[in-house]
């Protein structure tokens, strides 16, 4: 019976880890997409500081309790997109590396 419990616990932990990896990939893709949107709109429409501030406020209002949509974070997302899109070596790492590791890179 003890080995069955250990087997089940290992399977649960493995499933939890896979779920966390998928969440991380989706979150990094979201940050990439938002950074790309901001960078493109700056190029096309001259978006500036006040538009990004409004966007941050609107996102925080819409997604109450969800962190990550501060003005500074939106600028980080833009920088994230610009830095990684400029490098063919870094682009594949977008969804495979955690947000904290991206800041170090």
PDB file of N, CA and C in Angstrom:
ATOM      1  N   UNK A   1       0.831  -1.207   0.000  1.00  0.00           N
ATOM      2  CA  UNK A   1       0.000   0.000   0.000  1.00  0.00           C
ATOM      3  C   UNK A   1       0.866   1.259   0.000  1.00  0.00           C
ATOM      4  N   UNK A   2       1.973   1.218   0.714  1.00  0.00           N
ATOM      5  CA  UNK A   2       2.853   2.384   0.801  1.00  0.00           C
ATOM      6  C   UNK A   2       3.398   2.784  -0.572  1.00  0.00           C
ATOM      7  N   UNK A   3       3.777   1.798  -1.389  1.00  0.00           N
ATOM      8  CA  UNK A   3       4.301   2.118  -2.719  1.00  0.00           C
ATOM      9  C   UNK A   3       3.224   2.717  -3.621  1.00  0.00           C
ATOM     10  N   UNK A   4       1.977   2.300  -3.437  1.00  0.00           N
ATOM     11  CA  UNK A   4       0.877   2.889  -4.215  1.00  0.00           C
ATOM     12  C   UNK A   4       0.710   4.357  -3.852  1.00  0.00           C
ATOM     13  N   UNK A   5       0.796   4.679  -2.580  1.00  0.00           N
ATOM     14  CA  UNK A   5       0.685   6.076  -2.144  1.00  0.00           C
ATOM     15  C   UNK A   5       1.816   6.906  -2.730  1.00  0.00           C
ATOM     16  N   UNK A   6       3.024   6.396  -2.687  1.00  0.00           N
ATOM     17  CA  UNK A   6       4.167   7.117  -3.247  1.00  0.00           C
ATOM     18  C   UNK A   6       3.981   7.332  -4.740  1.00  0.00           C
ATOM     19  N   UNK A   7       3.500   6.305  -5.448  1.00  0.00           N
ATOM     20  CA  UNK A   7       3.251   6.409  -6.882  1.00  0.00           C
ATOM     21  C   UNK A   7       2.205   7.481  -7.181  1.00  0.00           C
ATOM     22  N   UNK A   8       1.134   7.484  -6.426  1.00  0.00           N
ATOM     23  CA  UNK A   8       0.074   8.487  -6.619  1.00  0.00           C
ATOM     24  C   UNK A   8       0.608   9.882  -6.329  1.00  0.00           C
ATOM     25  N   UNK A   9       1.367  10.034  -5.259  1.00  0.00           N
ATOM     26  CA  UNK A   9       1.921  11.348  -4.904  1.00  0.00           C
ATOM     27  C   UNK A   9       2.857  11.854  -6.003  1.00  0.00           C
ATOM     28  N   UNK A  10       3.666  10.986  -6.568  1.00  0.00           N
ATOM     29  CA  UNK A  10       4.562  11.378  -7.651  1.00  0.00           C
ATOM     30  C   UNK A  10       3.785  11.817  -8.884  1.00  0.00           C
ATOM     31  N   UNK A  11       2.715  11.111  -9.177  1.00  0.00           N
ATOM     32  CA  UNK A  11       1.886  11.480 -10.338  1.00  0.00           C
ATOM     33  C   UNK A  11       1.197  12.831 -10.122  1.00  0.00           C
ATOM     34  N   UNK A  12       0.715  13.063  -8.910  1.00  0.00           N
ATOM     35  CA  UNK A  12       0.072  14.346  -8.603  1.00  0.00           C
ATOM     36  C   UNK A  12       1.088  15.475  -8.746  1.00  0.00           C
ATOM     37  N   UNK A  13       2.267  15.288  -8.177  1.00  0.00           N
ATOM     38  CA  UNK A  13       3.301  16.326  -8.269  1.00  0.00           C
ATOM     39  C   UNK A  13       3.718  16.579  -9.715  1.00  0.00           C
ATOM     40  N   UNK A  14       3.832  15.526 -10.486  1.00  0.00           N
ATOM     41  CA  UNK A  14       4.199  15.680 -11.900  1.00  0.00           C
ATOM     42  C   UNK A  14       3.114  16.452 -12.659  1.00  0.00           C
ATOM     43  N   UNK A  15       1.863  16.150 -12.375  1.00  0.00           N
ATOM     44  CA  UNK A  15       0.755  16.864 -13.026  1.00  0.00           C
ATOM     45  C   UNK A  15       0.733  18.333 -12.599  1.00  0.00           C
ATOM     46  N   UNK A  16       0.986  18.592 -11.324  1.00  0.00           N
ATOM     47  CA  UNK A  16       1.036  19.973 -10.842  1.00  0.00           C
ATOM     48  C   UNK A  16       2.147  20.744 -11.551  1.00  0.00           C
ATOM     49  N   UNK A  17       3.293  20.118 -11.696  1.00  0.00           N
ATOM     50  CA  UNK A  17       4.426  20.765 -12.351  1.00  0.00           C
ATOM     51  C   UNK A  17       4.103  21.084 -13.814  1.00  0.00           C
ATOM     52  N   UNK A  18       3.499  20.121 -14.518  1.00  0.00           N
ATOM     53  CA  UNK A  18       3.119  20.357 -15.915  1.00  0.00           C
ATOM     54  C   UNK A  18       2.109  21.498 -16.023  1.00  0.00           C
ATOM     55  N   UNK A  19       1.174  21.546 -15.085  1.00  0.00           N
ATOM     56  CA  UNK A  19       0.176  22.633 -15.093  1.00  0.00           C
ATOM     57  C   UNK A  19       0.854  23.983 -14.871  1.00  0.00           C
ATOM     58  N   UNK A  20       1.795  24.043 -13.954  1.00  0.00           N
ATOM     59  CA  UNK A  20       2.521  25.300 -13.706  1.00  0.00           C
ATOM     60  C   UNK A  20       3.326  25.725 -14.928  1.00  0.00           C
ATOM     61  N   UNK A  21       3.923  24.762 -15.612  1.00  0.00           N
ATOM     62  CA  UNK A  21       4.667  25.084 -16.832  1.00  0.00           C
ATOM     63  C   UNK A  21       3.747  25.683 -17.889  1.00  0.00           C
ATOM     64  N   UNK A  22       2.558  25.123 -18.036  1.00  0.00           N
ATOM     65  CA  UNK A  22       1.614  25.636 -19.030  1.00  0.00           C
ATOM     66  C   UNK A  22       1.141  27.039 -18.661  1.00  0.00           C
ATOM     67  N   UNK A  23       0.869  27.251 -17.387  1.00  0.00           N
ATOM     68  CA  UNK A  23       0.461  28.584 -16.926  1.00  0.00           C
ATOM     69  C   UNK A  23       1.567  29.590 -17.218  1.00  0.00           C
ATOM     70  N   UNK A  24       2.819  29.214 -16.949  1.00  0.00           N
ATOM     71  CA  UNK A  24       3.942  30.101 -17.212  1.00  0.00           C
ATOM     72  C   UNK A  24       4.041  30.433 -18.694  1.00  0.00           C
ATOM     73  N   UNK A  25       3.896  29.425 -19.559  1.00  0.00           N
ATOM     74  CA  UNK A  25       3.959  29.670 -21.008  1.00  0.00           C
ATOM     75  C   UNK A  25       2.869  30.651 -21.440  1.00  0.00           C
ATOM     76  N   UNK A  26       1.665  30.453 -20.938  1.00  0.00           N
ATOM     77  CA  UNK A  26       0.553  31.343 -21.299  1.00  0.00           C
ATOM     78  C   UNK A  26       0.788  32.760 -20.795  1.00  0.00           C
ATOM     79  N   UNK A  27       1.305  32.873 -19.585  1.00  0.00           N
ATOM     80  CA  UNK A  27       1.567  34.195 -19.013  1.00  0.00           C
ATOM     81  C   UNK A  27       2.654  34.927 -19.809  1.00  0.00           C
ATOM     82  N   UNK A  28       3.722  34.225 -20.160  1.00  0.00           N
ATOM     83  CA  UNK A  28       4.790  34.841 -20.953  1.00  0.00           C
ATOM     84  C   UNK A  28       4.279  35.240 -22.334  1.00  0.00           C
ATOM     85  N   UNK A  29       3.405  34.419 -22.915  1.00  0.00           N
ATOM     86  CA  UNK A  29       2.827  34.763 -24.217  1.00  0.00           C
ATOM     87  C   UNK A  29       1.949  36.000 -24.108  1.00  0.00           C
ATOM     88  N   UNK A  30       1.187  36.096 -23.015  1.00  0.00           N
ATOM     89  CA  UNK A  30       0.361  37.285 -22.785  1.00  0.00           C
ATOM     90  C   UNK A  30       1.237  38.530 -22.661  1.00  0.00           C
ATOM     91  N   UNK A  31       2.305  38.439 -21.875  1.00  0.00           N
ATOM     92  CA  UNK A  31       3.205  39.586 -21.712  1.00  0.00           C
ATOM     93  C   UNK A  31       3.839  39.976 -23.045  1.00  0.00           C
ATOM     94  N   UNK A  32       4.217  38.970 -23.835  1.00  0.00           N
ATOM     95  CA  UNK A  32       4.774  39.221 -25.164  1.00  0.00           C
ATOM     96  C   UNK A  32       3.751  39.957 -26.029  1.00  0.00           C
ATOM     97  N   UNK A  33       2.523  39.444 -26.043  1.00  0.00           N
ATOM     98  CA  UNK A  33       1.470  40.044 -26.871  1.00  0.00           C
ATOM     99  C   UNK A  33       1.163  41.479 -26.454  1.00  0.00           C
ATOM    100  N   UNK A  34       1.066  41.718 -25.147  1.00  0.00           N
ATOM    101  CA  UNK A  34       0.791  43.083 -24.684  1.00  0.00           C
ATOM    102  C   UNK A  34       1.955  44.014 -25.011  1.00  0.00           C
ATOM    103  N   UNK A  35       3.177  43.530 -24.833  1.00  0.00           N
ATOM    104  CA  UNK A  35       4.351  44.333 -25.183  1.00  0.00           C
ATOM    105  C   UNK A  35       4.385  44.659 -26.656  1.00  0.00           C
ATOM    106  N   UNK A  36       4.046  43.674 -27.476  1.00  0.00           N
ATOM    107  CA  UNK A  36       3.998  43.888 -28.920  1.00  0.00           C
ATOM    108  C   UNK A  36       2.921  44.912 -29.278  1.00  0.00           C
ATOM    109  N   UNK A  37       1.754  44.781 -28.667  1.00  0.00           N
ATOM    110  CA  UNK A  37       0.662  45.714 -28.944  1.00  0.00           C
ATOM    111  C   UNK A  37       1.077  47.145 -28.599  1.00  0.00           C
ATOM    112  N   UNK A  38       1.675  47.315 -27.438  1.00  0.00           N
ATOM    113  CA  UNK A  38       2.100  48.664 -27.027  1.00  0.00           C
ATOM    114  C   UNK A  38       3.152  49.211 -27.983  1.00  0.00           C
ATOM    115  N   UNK A  39       4.158  48.398 -28.322  1.00  0.00           N
ATOM    116  CA  UNK A  39       5.220  48.851 -29.228  1.00  0.00           C
ATOM    117  C   UNK A  39       4.654  49.210 -30.605  1.00  0.00           C
ATOM    118  N   UNK A  40       3.767  48.365 -31.115  1.00  0.00           N
ATOM    119  CA  UNK A  40       3.180  48.645 -32.430  1.00  0.00           C
ATOM    120  C   UNK A  40       2.325  49.900 -32.421  1.00  0.00           C
ATOM    121  N   UNK A  41       1.533  50.062 -31.366  1.00  0.00           N
ATOM    122  CA  UNK A  41       0.674  51.254 -31.296  1.00  0.00           C
ATOM    123  C   UNK A  41       1.499  52.522 -31.123  1.00  0.00           C
ATOM    124  N   UNK A  42       2.629  52.418 -30.459  1.00  0.00           N
ATOM    125  CA  UNK A  42       3.514  53.581 -30.351  1.00  0.00           C
ATOM    126  C   UNK A  42       4.013  53.978 -31.734  1.00  0.00           C
ATOM    127  N   UNK A  43       4.395  52.976 -32.522  1.00  0.00           N
ATOM    128  CA  UNK A  43       4.886  53.236 -33.876  1.00  0.00           C
ATOM    129  C   UNK A  43       3.785  53.803 -34.770  1.00  0.00           C
ATOM    130  N   UNK A  44       2.612  53.169 -34.729  1.00  0.00           N
ATOM    131  CA  UNK A  44       1.527  53.530 -35.639  1.00  0.00           C
ATOM    132  C   UNK A  44       0.800  54.802 -35.233  1.00  0.00           C
ATOM    133  N   UNK A  45       0.527  54.923 -33.928  1.00  0.00           N
ATOM    134  CA  UNK A  45      -0.347  56.006 -33.473  1.00  0.00           C
ATOM    135  C   UNK A  45       0.319  56.977 -32.503  1.00  0.00           C
ATOM    136  N   UNK A  46       1.582  56.792 -32.229  1.00  0.00           N
ATOM    137  CA  UNK A  46       2.291  57.700 -31.341  1.00  0.00           C
ATOM    138  C   UNK A  46       1.885  57.578 -29.882  1.00  0.00           C
ATOM    139  N   UNK A  47       1.481  56.378 -29.492  1.00  0.00           N
ATOM    140  CA  UNK A  47       1.114  56.178 -28.081  1.00  0.00           C
ATOM    141  C   UNK A  47       2.241  56.658 -27.184  1.00  0.00           C
ATOM    142  N   UNK A  48       1.862  57.329 -26.112  1.00  0.00           N
ATOM    143  CA  UNK A  48       2.852  57.816 -25.167  1.00  0.00           C
ATOM    144  C   UNK A  48       2.527  57.397 -23.757  1.00  0.00           C
ATOM    145  N   UNK A  49       3.126  58.101 -22.838  1.00  0.00           N
ATOM    146  CA  UNK A  49       3.018  57.779 -21.417  1.00  0.00           C
ATOM    147  C   UNK A  49       1.568  57.785 -20.934  1.00  0.00           C
ATOM    148  N   UNK A  50       0.794  58.783 -21.323  1.00  0.00           N
ATOM    149  CA  UNK A  50      -0.576  58.898 -20.796  1.00  0.00           C
ATOM    150  C   UNK A  50      -1.483  57.765 -21.289  1.00  0.00           C
ATOM    151  N   UNK A  51      -1.275  57.298 -22.514  1.00  0.00           N
ATOM    152  CA  UNK A  51      -2.092  56.197 -23.033  1.00  0.00           C
ATOM    153  C   UNK A  51      -1.786  54.915 -22.264  1.00  0.00           C
ATOM    154  N   UNK A  52      -0.504  54.661 -21.992  1.00  0.00           N
ATOM    155  CA  UNK A  52      -0.126  53.455 -21.251  1.00  0.00           C
ATOM    156  C   UNK A  52      -0.649  53.547 -19.816  1.00  0.00           C
ATOM    157  N   UNK A  53      -0.627  54.720 -19.233  1.00  0.00           N
ATOM    158  CA  UNK A  53      -1.188  54.912 -17.886  1.00  0.00           C
ATOM    159  C   UNK A  53      -2.687  54.612 -17.879  1.00  0.00           C
ATOM    160  N   UNK A  54      -3.391  55.083 -18.898  1.00  0.00           N
ATOM    161  CA  UNK A  54      -4.831  54.816 -19.011  1.00  0.00           C
ATOM    162  C   UNK A  54      -5.086  53.328 -19.211  1.00  0.00           C
ATOM    163  N   UNK A  55      -4.297  52.701 -20.059  1.00  0.00           N
ATOM    164  CA  UNK A  55      -4.431  51.263 -20.295  1.00  0.00           C
ATOM    165  C   UNK A  55      -4.223  50.483 -18.996  1.00  0.00           C
ATOM    166  N   UNK A  56      -3.205  50.837 -18.234  1.00  0.00           N
ATOM    167  CA  UNK A  56      -2.933  50.157 -16.961  1.00  0.00           C
ATOM    168  C   UNK A  56      -4.122  50.317 -16.009  1.00  0.00           C
ATOM    169  N   UNK A  57      -4.629  51.517 -15.902  1.00  0.00           N
ATOM    170  CA  UNK A  57      -5.764  51.778 -15.014  1.00  0.00           C
ATOM    171  C   UNK A  57      -6.997  50.984 -15.460  1.00  0.00           C
ATOM    172  N   UNK A  58      -7.253  50.965 -16.753  1.00  0.00           N
ATOM    173  CA  UNK A  58      -8.407  50.224 -17.274  1.00  0.00           C
ATOM    174  C   UNK A  58      -8.266  48.716 -17.045  1.00  0.00           C
ATOM    175  N   UNK A  59      -7.077  48.184 -17.247  1.00  0.00           N
ATOM    176  CA  UNK A  59      -6.847  46.755 -17.012  1.00  0.00           C
ATOM    177  C   UNK A  59      -7.021  46.402 -15.537  1.00  0.00           C
ATOM    178  N   UNK A  60      -6.521  47.258 -14.659  1.00  0.00           N
ATOM    179  CA  UNK A  60      -6.655  47.018 -13.217  1.00  0.00           C
ATOM    180  C   UNK A  60      -8.115  47.083 -12.785  1.00  0.00           C
ATOM    181  N   UNK A  61      -8.888  47.946 -13.418  1.00  0.00           N
ATOM    182  CA  UNK A  61     -10.316  48.052 -13.109  1.00  0.00           C
ATOM    183  C   UNK A  61     -11.073  46.824 -13.613  1.00  0.00           C
ATOM    184  N   UNK A  62     -10.724  46.381 -14.796  1.00  0.00           N
ATOM    185  CA  UNK A  62     -11.406  45.235 -15.403  1.00  0.00           C
ATOM    186  C   UNK A  62     -11.047  43.918 -14.719  1.00  0.00           C
ATOM    187  N   UNK A  63      -9.797  43.775 -14.324  1.00  0.00           N
ATOM    188  CA  UNK A  63      -9.313  42.512 -13.756  1.00  0.00           C
ATOM    189  C   UNK A  63      -8.915  42.707 -12.293  1.00  0.00           C
ATOM    190  N   UNK A  64      -9.893  43.036 -11.484  1.00  0.00           N
ATOM    191  CA  UNK A  64      -9.688  43.288 -10.059  1.00  0.00           C
ATOM    192  C   UNK A  64      -9.097  42.035  -9.404  1.00  0.00           C
ATOM    193  N   UNK A  65      -8.086  42.234  -8.592  1.00  0.00           N
ATOM    194  CA  UNK A  65      -7.462  41.118  -7.890  1.00  0.00           C
ATOM    195  C   UNK A  65      -6.359  40.438  -8.673  1.00  0.00           C
ATOM    196  N   UNK A  66      -6.211  40.795  -9.940  1.00  0.00           N
ATOM    197  CA  UNK A  66      -5.151  40.214 -10.768  1.00  0.00           C
ATOM    198  C   UNK A  66      -3.999  41.210 -10.823  1.00  0.00           C
ATOM    199  N   UNK A  67      -2.829  40.769 -10.420  1.00  0.00           N
ATOM    200  CA  UNK A  67      -1.690  41.685 -10.411  1.00  0.00           C
ATOM    201  C   UNK A  67      -0.953  41.631 -11.743  1.00  0.00           C
ATOM    202  N   UNK A  68      -0.073  42.574 -11.953  1.00  0.00           N
ATOM    203  CA  UNK A  68       0.772  42.560 -13.136  1.00  0.00           C
ATOM    204  C   UNK A  68       0.470  43.629 -14.165  1.00  0.00           C
ATOM    205  N   UNK A  69      -0.565  44.430 -13.937  1.00  0.00           N
ATOM    206  CA  UNK A  69      -0.941  45.417 -14.942  1.00  0.00           C
ATOM    207  C   UNK A  69      -0.642  46.850 -14.513  1.00  0.00           C
ATOM    208  N   UNK A  70       0.412  47.034 -13.742  1.00  0.00           N
ATOM    209  CA  UNK A  70       0.811  48.391 -13.365  1.00  0.00           C
ATOM    210  C   UNK A  70       1.415  49.081 -14.582  1.00  0.00           C
ATOM    211  N   UNK A  71       1.542  50.390 -14.512  1.00  0.00           N
ATOM    212  CA  UNK A  71       2.158  51.152 -15.601  1.00  0.00           C
ATOM    213  C   UNK A  71       3.571  50.631 -15.844  1.00  0.00           C
ATOM    214  N   UNK A  72       4.338  50.466 -14.768  1.00  0.00           N
ATOM    215  CA  UNK A  72       5.718  49.999 -14.912  1.00  0.00           C
ATOM    216  C   UNK A  72       5.776  48.624 -15.563  1.00  0.00           C
ATOM    217  N   UNK A  73       4.878  47.729 -15.163  1.00  0.00           N
ATOM    218  CA  UNK A  73       4.878  46.388 -15.752  1.00  0.00           C
ATOM    219  C   UNK A  73       4.536  46.421 -17.238  1.00  0.00           C
ATOM    220  N   UNK A  74       3.625  47.300 -17.638  1.00  0.00           N
ATOM    221  CA  UNK A  74       3.310  47.415 -19.065  1.00  0.00           C
ATOM    222  C   UNK A  74       4.529  47.893 -19.856  1.00  0.00           C
ATOM    223  N   UNK A  75       5.287  48.814 -19.282  1.00  0.00           N
ATOM    224  CA  UNK A  75       6.522  49.246 -19.945  1.00  0.00           C
ATOM    225  C   UNK A  75       7.536  48.099 -20.002  1.00  0.00           C
ATOM    226  N   UNK A  76       7.594  47.290 -18.920  1.00  0.00           N
ATOM    227  CA  UNK A  76       8.474  46.116 -18.933  1.00  0.00           C
ATOM    228  C   UNK A  76       8.054  45.138 -20.026  1.00  0.00           C
ATOM    229  N   UNK A  77       6.744  44.970 -20.217  1.00  0.00           N
ATOM    230  CA  UNK A  77       6.249  44.068 -21.260  1.00  0.00           C
ATOM    231  C   UNK A  77       6.682  44.564 -22.640  1.00  0.00           C
ATOM    232  N   UNK A  78       6.619  45.856 -22.839  1.00  0.00           N
ATOM    233  CA  UNK A  78       7.064  46.453 -24.105  1.00  0.00           C
ATOM    234  C   UNK A  78       8.553  46.184 -24.304  1.00  0.00           C
ATOM    235  N   UNK A  79       9.320  46.437 -23.263  1.00  0.00           N
ATOM    236  CA  UNK A  79      10.766  46.212 -23.337  1.00  0.00           C
ATOM    237  C   UNK A  79      11.070  44.732 -23.590  1.00  0.00           C
ATOM    238  N   UNK A  80      10.338  43.862 -22.899  1.00  0.00           N
ATOM    239  CA  UNK A  80      10.472  42.413 -23.063  1.00  0.00           C
ATOM    240  C   UNK A  80      10.280  42.038 -24.535  1.00  0.00           C
ATOM    241  N   UNK A  81       9.206  42.536 -25.127  1.00  0.00           N
ATOM    242  CA  UNK A  81       8.939  42.235 -26.532  1.00  0.00           C
ATOM    243  C   UNK A  81      10.046  42.773 -27.427  1.00  0.00           C
ATOM    244  N   UNK A  82      10.442  44.014 -27.226  1.00  0.00           N
ATOM    245  CA  UNK A  82      11.451  44.619 -28.090  1.00  0.00           C
ATOM    246  C   UNK A  82      12.792  43.896 -27.981  1.00  0.00           C
ATOM    247  N   UNK A  83      13.202  43.561 -26.764  1.00  0.00           N
ATOM    248  CA  UNK A  83      14.484  42.882 -26.563  1.00  0.00           C
ATOM    249  C   UNK A  83      14.489  41.506 -27.214  1.00  0.00           C
ATOM    250  N   UNK A  84      13.441  40.733 -26.984  1.00  0.00           N
ATOM    251  CA  UNK A  84      13.411  39.362 -27.487  1.00  0.00           C
ATOM    252  C   UNK A  84      13.135  39.303 -28.985  1.00  0.00           C
ATOM    253  N   UNK A  85      12.330  40.205 -29.498  1.00  0.00           N
ATOM    254  CA  UNK A  85      12.031  40.166 -30.931  1.00  0.00           C
ATOM    255  C   UNK A  85      13.251  40.550 -31.760  1.00  0.00           C
ATOM    256  N   UNK A  86      14.194  41.237 -31.153  1.00  0.00           N
ATOM    257  CA  UNK A  86      15.408  41.645 -31.862  1.00  0.00           C
ATOM    258  C   UNK A  86      16.439  40.522 -31.922  1.00  0.00           C
ATOM    259  N   UNK A  87      16.208  39.416 -31.206  1.00  0.00           N
ATOM    260  CA  UNK A  87      17.195  38.346 -31.135  1.00  0.00           C
ATOM    261  C   UNK A  87      16.574  36.994 -31.489  1.00  0.00           C
ATOM    262  N   UNK A  88      17.062  36.383 -32.546  1.00  0.00           N
ATOM    263  CA  UNK A  88      16.574  35.058 -32.922  1.00  0.00           C
ATOM    264  C   UNK A  88      16.945  34.005 -31.890  1.00  0.00           C
ATOM    265  N   UNK A  89      18.003  34.247 -31.140  1.00  0.00           N
ATOM    266  CA  UNK A  89      18.439  33.307 -30.104  1.00  0.00           C
ATOM    267  C   UNK A  89      17.480  33.342 -28.913  1.00  0.00           C
ATOM    268  N   UNK A  90      16.995  34.529 -28.547  1.00  0.00           N
ATOM    269  CA  UNK A  90      16.138  34.673 -27.371  1.00  0.00           C
ATOM    270  C   UNK A  90      14.675  34.334 -27.640  1.00  0.00           C
ATOM    271  N   UNK A  91      14.205  34.524 -28.867  1.00  0.00           N
ATOM    272  CA  UNK A  91      12.785  34.324 -29.162  1.00  0.00           C
ATOM    273  C   UNK A  91      12.242  32.971 -28.713  1.00  0.00           C
ATOM    274  N   UNK A  92      12.949  31.856 -28.930  1.00  0.00           N
ATOM    275  CA  UNK A  92      12.398  30.562 -28.494  1.00  0.00           C
ATOM    276  C   UNK A  92      12.257  30.441 -26.970  1.00  0.00           C
ATOM    277  N   UNK A  93      12.936  31.284 -26.218  1.00  0.00           N
ATOM    278  CA  UNK A  93      12.892  31.207 -24.760  1.00  0.00           C
ATOM    279  C   UNK A  93      11.668  31.884 -24.161  1.00  0.00           C
ATOM    280  N   UNK A  94      10.905  32.608 -24.958  1.00  0.00           N
ATOM    281  CA  UNK A  94       9.786  33.392 -24.436  1.00  0.00           C
ATOM    282  C   UNK A  94       8.865  32.570 -23.550  1.00  0.00           C
ATOM    283  N   UNK A  95       8.397  31.438 -24.009  1.00  0.00           N
ATOM    284  CA  UNK A  95       7.452  30.646 -23.229  1.00  0.00           C
ATOM    285  C   UNK A  95       8.088  29.591 -22.368  1.00  0.00           C
ATOM    286  N   UNK A  96       9.396  29.427 -22.468  1.00  0.00           N
ATOM    287  CA  UNK A  96      10.059  28.345 -21.754  1.00  0.00           C
ATOM    288  C   UNK A  96      10.769  28.800 -20.488  1.00  0.00           C
ATOM    289  N   UNK A  97      10.794  30.077 -20.238  1.00  0.00           N
ATOM    290  CA  UNK A  97      11.524  30.627 -19.096  1.00  0.00           C
ATOM    291  C   UNK A  97      10.574  31.452 -18.245  1.00  0.00           C
ATOM    292  N   UNK A  98      10.767  31.406 -16.938  1.00  0.00           N
ATOM    293  CA  UNK A  98       9.878  32.137 -16.027  1.00  0.00           C
ATOM    294  C   UNK A  98      10.114  33.644 -16.142  1.00  0.00           C
ATOM    295  N   UNK A  99       9.143  34.402 -15.674  1.00  0.00           N
ATOM    296  CA  UNK A  99       9.239  35.863 -15.723  1.00  0.00           C
ATOM    297  C   UNK A  99      10.449  36.393 -14.974  1.00  0.00           C
ATOM    298  N   UNK A 100      10.748  35.820 -13.822  1.00  0.00           N
ATOM    299  CA  UNK A 100      11.895  36.283 -13.043  1.00  0.00           C
ATOM    300  C   UNK A 100      13.192  36.057 -13.808  1.00  0.00           C
ATOM    301  N   UNK A 101      13.296  34.957 -14.505  1.00  0.00           N
ATOM    302  CA  UNK A 101      14.516  34.682 -15.274  1.00  0.00           C
ATOM    303  C   UNK A 101      14.612  35.607 -16.477  1.00  0.00           C
ATOM    304  N   UNK A 102      13.477  35.996 -17.045  1.00  0.00           N
ATOM    305  CA  UNK A 102      13.512  36.947 -18.151  1.00  0.00           C
ATOM    306  C   UNK A 102      14.073  38.280 -17.688  1.00  0.00           C
ATOM    307  N   UNK A 103      13.742  38.693 -16.469  1.00  0.00           N
ATOM    308  CA  UNK A 103      14.278  39.949 -15.953  1.00  0.00           C
ATOM    309  C   UNK A 103      15.793  39.879 -15.830  1.00  0.00           C
ATOM    310  N   UNK A 104      16.320  38.724 -15.434  1.00  0.00           N
ATOM    311  CA  UNK A 104      17.765  38.560 -15.338  1.00  0.00           C
ATOM    312  C   UNK A 104      18.436  38.586 -16.694  1.00  0.00           C
ATOM    313  N   UNK A 105      17.780  37.961 -17.671  1.00  0.00           N
ATOM    314  CA  UNK A 105      18.341  37.939 -19.038  1.00  0.00           C
ATOM    315  C   UNK A 105      18.382  39.357 -19.573  1.00  0.00           C
TER     316      UNK A 105
END
